Structure formats: C-alpha cells, structure tokens
C-alpha cells in the first residue's frame, strides 16, 4: 500500500532514471485510446503476463471447468498427432495430417516468422462460424482435431488450435497464453492466443493476419488468461470493473470474419 501512497515520488525518481538512460519511447501506448491507461505503462510493466497486468489463479468456476474439459481433449489429440507424426503414411486422420502440415511449416521457420506462419495458416484453414450455427449451442470449445475435421469454428477454436500448434512447433509453454478479452466497441468477448518472443507478447488473432503486440491492442479489456497450469483472472484495478468480476465463464462470442477481411500485410 505504501507504493500507491508514494506513487508520485516514485514516478519522479524512475522517470528521471529512464531519461538518464535514454530509454523513453513515445508511441501508440501513450495514446488516450490505448487498452491500458498510460499511468500503468509509463513507468514499468507490472507483471510478466500479457498486457503487464497481475492475474489471480482460479480454483473453480465455469471457465476453469470448460478449460479442464478442453485439456482432456487436447491430451487425446496430442496422442493421435504424435502417432501420425511418426508414421504419416498410415495416418487415417486427414485433420491430423492437415494440422501436422501447418506445424511442419512453422518448424521450418524461426522467431517471429514461426509465429506468423501458424497464425496465417490456421486463420486460412478454418472458416469462421458461430457455435450456434455449427453446434446449436451458444458456447462450445473444440479441440484442434475436431475443429480441423469440421473446417469451422469461432474465436476460441482458432485460439485452442494455435495454442496446440505453437507447442508442437517448439514454442515453450511458458511463452504461450490464451487470453479472453472484452471487446468494448462491440460489447462481446473475444479469445486469442498470445506468444512471447524476446520479451514481447504478440497476439495471434483470427481477425487479422498481422500480429500486433499486446500494448498496441485497442478497445479491449483483458479478462482471463489461460496457460498450462489453468485459468487466471486479471486483477482489474479500475473501480468501475470490480463489480463485474466473476469466476464463471464469459460468453465468448465469435467475431465472424471472411478471408477478405484479413489484413494482407506480412508479420
């Protein structure tokens, strides 16, 4: 609590040090329309998680239950993918072979190019379709092979597939997250994968081909972050958001897009 009590004095000291080191950058993160208020990013990132925000691990709730169910499906998918990867001629799953082809393309690249290959390839492999249209239910989270078998899915299905593909392509689990965000412009929730590269979190989003850093995301509020250890809820410090906190799963609504809507610029 002492930190907040002396925030201005700390800010002055750290700002002076930053100026002395010549590390000040003036960029989009300081704009009024940024995701996180400038006061939270002008000094130091507070957390190693995407968006620099602290997060609290959940011990229960609807979103955790949903993710636990996905993890069980992921384990089955990984076994099938490993078998097919070892003997592709005998692999009887077209979905597994298609997924492995994307992983192969990513393994042949390094760094940002590896992440971009997975983002583009999975965006193009899946047709954006709402859960209601595909499953007759509002919110269904599918495993990668189920999504590739149907060729359709919504935002969280893209995110889960990219989560698995990044792992298979050699990206460390510590550097991969699924994040659920609130789209403030459209009033709906959205899921995407973020991958850390050289200390920077890049968003792999089904709504765009180009990857952007977390600090450049606009008009979204991060709600939950998912990793290999489970689900965490972001600790939103704004008083207006405190009443909205809940452990239950948000209704992750699909953002319908067509391939023509994707940005064509490379990563």
Protein backbone atom coordinates (compact mmCIF):
# COMPACT_ATOMS: atom_id res chain seq x y z
CA UNK A 1 0.00 0.00 0.00
CA UNK A 2 2.98 2.27 0.57
CA UNK A 3 3.70 2.20 -3.12
CA UNK A 4 0.43 3.85 -4.00
CA UNK A 5 0.86 6.33 -1.16
CA UNK A 6 4.15 7.48 -2.64
CA UNK A 7 3.31 6.94 -6.29
CA UNK A 8 4.16 10.45 -7.40
CA UNK A 9 7.57 10.48 -5.76
CA UNK A 10 8.39 7.03 -7.14
CA UNK A 11 7.21 8.13 -10.57
CA UNK A 12 9.52 11.15 -10.49
CA UNK A 13 12.54 9.08 -9.44
CA UNK A 14 12.02 6.34 -12.01
CA UNK A 15 11.21 8.81 -14.77
CA UNK A 16 14.48 10.64 -14.05
CA UNK A 17 16.40 7.35 -14.28
CA UNK A 18 14.70 6.43 -17.52
CA UNK A 19 15.55 9.83 -19.00
CA UNK A 20 19.15 9.40 -17.92
CA UNK A 21 19.36 6.02 -19.62
CA UNK A 22 17.81 7.33 -22.81
CA UNK A 23 15.13 4.66 -22.83
CA UNK A 24 11.99 6.77 -23.21
CA UNK A 25 9.91 5.86 -26.24
CA UNK A 26 6.94 7.85 -27.42
CA UNK A 27 4.49 5.54 -29.17
CA UNK A 28 0.90 4.37 -29.54
CA UNK A 29 0.79 3.03 -25.96
CA UNK A 30 0.62 6.60 -24.68
CA UNK A 31 -2.48 7.47 -26.69
CA UNK A 32 -5.79 8.08 -24.92
CA UNK A 33 -7.41 5.23 -26.82
CA UNK A 34 -5.00 2.58 -25.60
CA UNK A 35 -6.18 -0.59 -23.89
CA UNK A 36 -4.38 0.16 -20.64
CA UNK A 37 -4.26 3.65 -19.16
CA UNK A 38 -0.93 5.45 -19.70
CA UNK A 39 -0.36 5.62 -15.95
CA UNK A 40 0.04 1.83 -15.85
CA UNK A 41 2.62 1.62 -18.64
CA UNK A 42 4.60 4.83 -18.46
CA UNK A 43 6.95 3.55 -15.78
CA UNK A 44 7.24 -0.22 -15.73
CA UNK A 45 5.28 -3.30 -16.72
CA UNK A 46 3.82 -4.73 -13.54
CA UNK A 47 3.55 -8.39 -14.50
CA UNK A 48 5.13 -10.92 -16.83
CA UNK A 49 1.68 -11.87 -18.11
CA UNK A 50 0.30 -10.37 -21.36
CA UNK A 51 -0.77 -6.73 -21.01
CA UNK A 52 1.53 -6.31 -18.00
CA UNK A 53 -1.29 -6.90 -15.53
CA UNK A 54 -1.30 -9.12 -12.48
CA UNK A 55 -3.62 -12.12 -12.56
CA UNK A 56 -5.07 -14.36 -9.84
CA UNK A 57 -5.33 -18.10 -10.42
CA UNK A 58 -8.85 -19.51 -10.19
CA UNK A 59 -9.64 -22.57 -8.08
CA UNK A 60 -13.08 -23.12 -9.58
CA UNK A 61 -15.77 -21.71 -11.78
CA UNK A 62 -17.30 -22.22 -15.20
CA UNK A 63 -14.34 -21.07 -17.24
CA UNK A 64 -11.93 -23.35 -15.39
CA UNK A 65 -14.31 -26.29 -15.87
CA UNK A 66 -14.54 -25.52 -19.56
CA UNK A 67 -10.76 -25.32 -19.94
CA UNK A 68 -10.25 -28.57 -18.00
CA UNK A 69 -12.57 -30.25 -20.48
CA UNK A 70 -10.57 -28.84 -23.39
CA UNK A 71 -7.31 -30.03 -21.83
CA UNK A 72 -8.59 -33.61 -21.70
CA UNK A 73 -9.45 -33.41 -25.39
CA UNK A 74 -6.07 -31.85 -26.12
CA UNK A 75 -4.31 -34.78 -24.49
CA UNK A 76 -6.16 -37.20 -26.77
CA UNK A 77 -5.37 -35.04 -29.81
CA UNK A 78 -1.68 -34.94 -28.92
CA UNK A 79 -1.51 -38.72 -28.75
CA UNK A 80 -3.13 -39.04 -32.17
CA UNK A 81 -0.91 -36.32 -33.62
CA UNK A 82 2.21 -38.00 -32.22
CA UNK A 83 1.22 -41.32 -33.79
CA UNK A 84 0.52 -39.70 -37.14
CA UNK A 85 3.71 -37.67 -36.94
CA UNK A 86 5.69 -40.88 -36.51
CA UNK A 87 4.04 -42.72 -39.42
CA UNK A 88 2.20 -40.38 -41.73
CA UNK A 89 1.64 -42.97 -44.44
CA UNK A 90 -0.56 -44.96 -42.07
CA UNK A 91 -2.29 -41.96 -40.54
CA UNK A 92 -6.03 -42.26 -41.17
CA UNK A 93 -6.92 -38.76 -39.97
CA UNK A 94 -7.00 -36.07 -42.68
CA UNK A 95 -7.44 -33.49 -39.92
CA UNK A 96 -4.25 -34.66 -38.20
CA UNK A 97 -2.28 -34.59 -41.45
CA UNK A 98 -3.52 -31.08 -42.22
CA UNK A 99 -2.61 -29.90 -38.75
CA UNK A 100 0.84 -31.50 -38.96
CA UNK A 101 1.49 -29.82 -42.30
CA UNK A 102 0.96 -26.46 -40.59
CA UNK A 103 3.30 -27.47 -37.77
CA UNK A 104 5.90 -28.55 -40.35
CA UNK A 105 5.74 -25.14 -41.99
CA UNK A 106 6.24 -23.45 -38.63
CA UNK A 107 9.12 -25.72 -37.62
CA UNK A 108 10.95 -24.68 -40.78
CA UNK A 109 10.95 -21.06 -39.59
CA UNK A 110 12.28 -19.27 -36.57
CA UNK A 111 11.28 -16.42 -34.29
CA UNK A 112 8.53 -14.10 -35.47
CA UNK A 113 8.24 -15.93 -38.78
CA UNK A 114 7.35 -19.15 -36.93
CA UNK A 115 4.56 -17.45 -35.02
CA UNK A 116 3.29 -15.69 -38.12
CA UNK A 117 3.21 -18.93 -40.10
CA UNK A 118 0.95 -20.57 -37.53
CA UNK A 119 -1.30 -17.52 -37.30
CA UNK A 120 -1.81 -17.23 -41.06
CA UNK A 121 -2.12 -20.94 -41.78
CA UNK A 122 -4.72 -21.62 -39.09
CA UNK A 123 -6.67 -18.47 -39.97
CA UNK A 124 -6.93 -19.75 -43.54
CA UNK A 125 -7.66 -23.37 -42.59
CA UNK A 126 -10.77 -22.62 -40.50
CA UNK A 127 -13.97 -20.95 -41.65
CA UNK A 128 -15.30 -18.52 -39.06
CA UNK A 129 -18.64 -19.92 -37.86
CA UNK A 130 -20.63 -19.30 -34.71
CA UNK A 131 -21.17 -22.10 -32.20
CA UNK A 132 -24.92 -21.72 -32.61
CA UNK A 133 -24.71 -22.25 -36.36
CA UNK A 134 -22.32 -25.19 -36.05
CA UNK A 135 -23.37 -26.90 -32.83
CA UNK A 136 -26.74 -25.43 -31.95
CA UNK A 137 -25.25 -24.17 -28.67
CA UNK A 138 -24.01 -20.78 -27.56
CA UNK A 139 -20.50 -21.65 -26.33
CA UNK A 140 -18.64 -24.81 -27.38
CA UNK A 141 -14.85 -25.10 -27.08
CA UNK A 142 -13.49 -27.70 -29.51
CA UNK A 143 -10.17 -29.49 -29.68
CA UNK A 144 -7.84 -28.78 -32.64
CA UNK A 145 -8.59 -32.02 -34.48
CA UNK A 146 -12.34 -31.58 -34.04
CA UNK A 147 -12.06 -28.05 -35.44
CA UNK A 148 -9.92 -29.18 -38.38
CA UNK A 149 -12.25 -32.10 -39.08
CA UNK A 150 -15.20 -29.72 -39.39
CA UNK A 151 -13.17 -26.95 -41.00
CA UNK A 152 -15.11 -24.37 -38.98
CA UNK A 153 -15.02 -22.69 -35.59
CA UNK A 154 -15.16 -19.43 -33.72
CA UNK A 155 -12.53 -17.37 -31.93
CA UNK A 156 -11.74 -19.76 -29.10
CA UNK A 157 -11.45 -22.69 -31.53
CA UNK A 158 -8.83 -20.77 -33.52
CA UNK A 159 -7.06 -19.93 -30.26
CA UNK A 160 -7.01 -23.52 -29.00
CA UNK A 161 -5.68 -24.79 -32.33
CA UNK A 162 -2.91 -22.17 -32.32
CA UNK A 163 -2.10 -22.98 -28.69
CA UNK A 164 -1.50 -26.63 -29.64
CA UNK A 165 0.33 -25.82 -32.88
CA UNK A 166 2.74 -23.47 -31.12
CA UNK A 167 3.55 -26.20 -28.60
CA UNK A 168 4.19 -28.77 -31.32
CA UNK A 169 6.32 -26.29 -33.26
CA UNK A 170 8.67 -25.93 -30.32
CA UNK A 171 7.49 -22.80 -28.52
CA UNK A 172 7.90 -23.10 -24.75
CA UNK A 173 4.68 -23.48 -22.72
CA UNK A 174 5.88 -20.55 -20.60
CA UNK A 175 5.61 -18.34 -23.68
CA UNK A 176 2.06 -19.23 -24.77
CA UNK A 177 -1.24 -17.93 -23.40
CA UNK A 178 -4.88 -17.91 -24.40
CA UNK A 179 -6.47 -14.63 -23.37
CA UNK A 180 -10.16 -13.78 -23.13
CA UNK A 181 -10.83 -10.08 -23.68
CA UNK A 182 -13.86 -7.84 -23.65
CA UNK A 183 -14.38 -6.06 -26.96
CA UNK A 184 -15.51 -2.66 -25.73
CA UNK A 185 -16.66 -1.45 -29.14
CA UNK A 186 -18.96 -4.40 -29.90
CA UNK A 187 -19.86 -5.39 -26.35
CA UNK A 188 -18.78 -9.02 -26.70
CA UNK A 189 -15.98 -11.28 -25.52
CA UNK A 190 -13.17 -12.50 -27.72
CA UNK A 191 -10.41 -15.10 -27.38
CA UNK A 192 -6.95 -15.07 -28.95
CA UNK A 193 -3.50 -16.58 -28.41
CA UNK A 194 -0.53 -14.53 -27.31
CA UNK A 195 3.03 -15.77 -27.69
CA UNK A 196 6.09 -14.23 -26.07
CA UNK A 197 9.10 -13.50 -28.27
CA UNK A 198 12.16 -11.67 -26.97
CA UNK A 199 10.18 -10.40 -24.01
CA UNK A 200 7.27 -9.08 -26.08
CA UNK A 201 3.79 -10.64 -26.24
CA UNK A 202 2.41 -10.94 -29.79
CA UNK A 203 -1.28 -11.57 -30.46
CA UNK A 204 -2.24 -14.32 -32.91
CA UNK A 205 -5.81 -13.31 -33.72
CA UNK A 206 -8.29 -14.93 -36.08
CA UNK A 207 -9.49 -11.45 -37.08
CA UNK A 208 -6.20 -10.37 -38.66
CA UNK A 209 -3.20 -11.87 -40.41
CA UNK A 210 -0.73 -9.37 -38.99
CA UNK A 211 0.41 -9.92 -35.41
CA UNK A 212 0.49 -6.98 -33.02
CA UNK A 213 1.95 -6.51 -29.55
CA UNK A 214 -0.29 -6.55 -26.52
CA UNK A 215 0.50 -2.89 -25.80
CA UNK A 216 -0.88 -1.95 -29.23
CA UNK A 217 -4.27 -3.63 -28.75
CA UNK A 218 -7.04 -1.07 -28.61
CA UNK A 219 -10.59 -1.01 -27.27
CA UNK A 220 -10.34 -4.35 -25.44
CA UNK A 221 -10.14 -5.16 -21.73
CA UNK A 222 -8.34 -8.39 -20.75
CA UNK A 223 -10.47 -10.58 -18.51
CA UNK A 224 -8.87 -14.02 -18.21
CA UNK A 225 -5.55 -15.62 -19.15
CA UNK A 226 -5.08 -19.37 -19.66
CA UNK A 227 -1.85 -21.36 -19.52
CA UNK A 228 -0.75 -24.95 -18.93
CA UNK A 229 -1.47 -24.58 -15.22
CA UNK A 230 -5.07 -23.44 -15.58
CA UNK A 231 -7.00 -20.19 -15.67
CA UNK A 232 -6.19 -16.83 -14.13
CA UNK A 233 -8.39 -13.78 -13.81
CA UNK A 234 -6.81 -10.41 -14.46
CA UNK A 235 -6.82 -8.14 -11.43
CA UNK A 236 -8.59 -5.14 -12.89
CA UNK A 237 -7.78 -2.19 -10.66
CA UNK A 238 -10.45 0.14 -12.01
CA UNK A 239 -13.32 0.63 -9.51
CA UNK A 240 -15.93 0.50 -12.29
CA UNK A 241 -14.89 -3.01 -13.22
CA UNK A 242 -14.77 -4.51 -9.74
CA UNK A 243 -18.48 -5.27 -9.71
CA UNK A 244 -18.17 -7.19 -12.95
CA UNK A 245 -15.64 -9.70 -11.64
CA UNK A 246 -16.81 -13.29 -11.66
CA UNK A 247 -15.31 -16.76 -11.89
CA UNK A 248 -17.89 -18.05 -14.31
CA UNK A 249 -17.10 -18.44 -17.98
CA UNK A 250 -17.90 -15.43 -20.12
CA UNK A 251 -19.96 -15.91 -23.25
CA UNK A 252 -17.10 -15.90 -25.74
CA UNK A 253 -18.85 -14.66 -28.84
CA UNK A 254 -17.47 -15.38 -32.29
CA UNK A 255 -16.35 -12.46 -34.39
CA UNK A 256 -17.49 -13.51 -37.85
CA UNK A 257 -14.92 -12.72 -40.50
CA UNK A 258 -14.21 -13.79 -44.03
CA UNK A 259 -10.83 -14.25 -45.58
CA UNK A 260 -11.31 -10.99 -47.43
CA UNK A 261 -11.45 -9.21 -44.08
CA UNK A 262 -7.94 -10.31 -43.11
CA UNK A 263 -5.13 -7.84 -43.34
CA UNK A 264 -2.77 -8.87 -46.12
CA UNK A 265 0.42 -7.33 -44.73
CA UNK A 266 3.04 -9.75 -43.51
CA UNK A 267 4.32 -10.19 -39.98
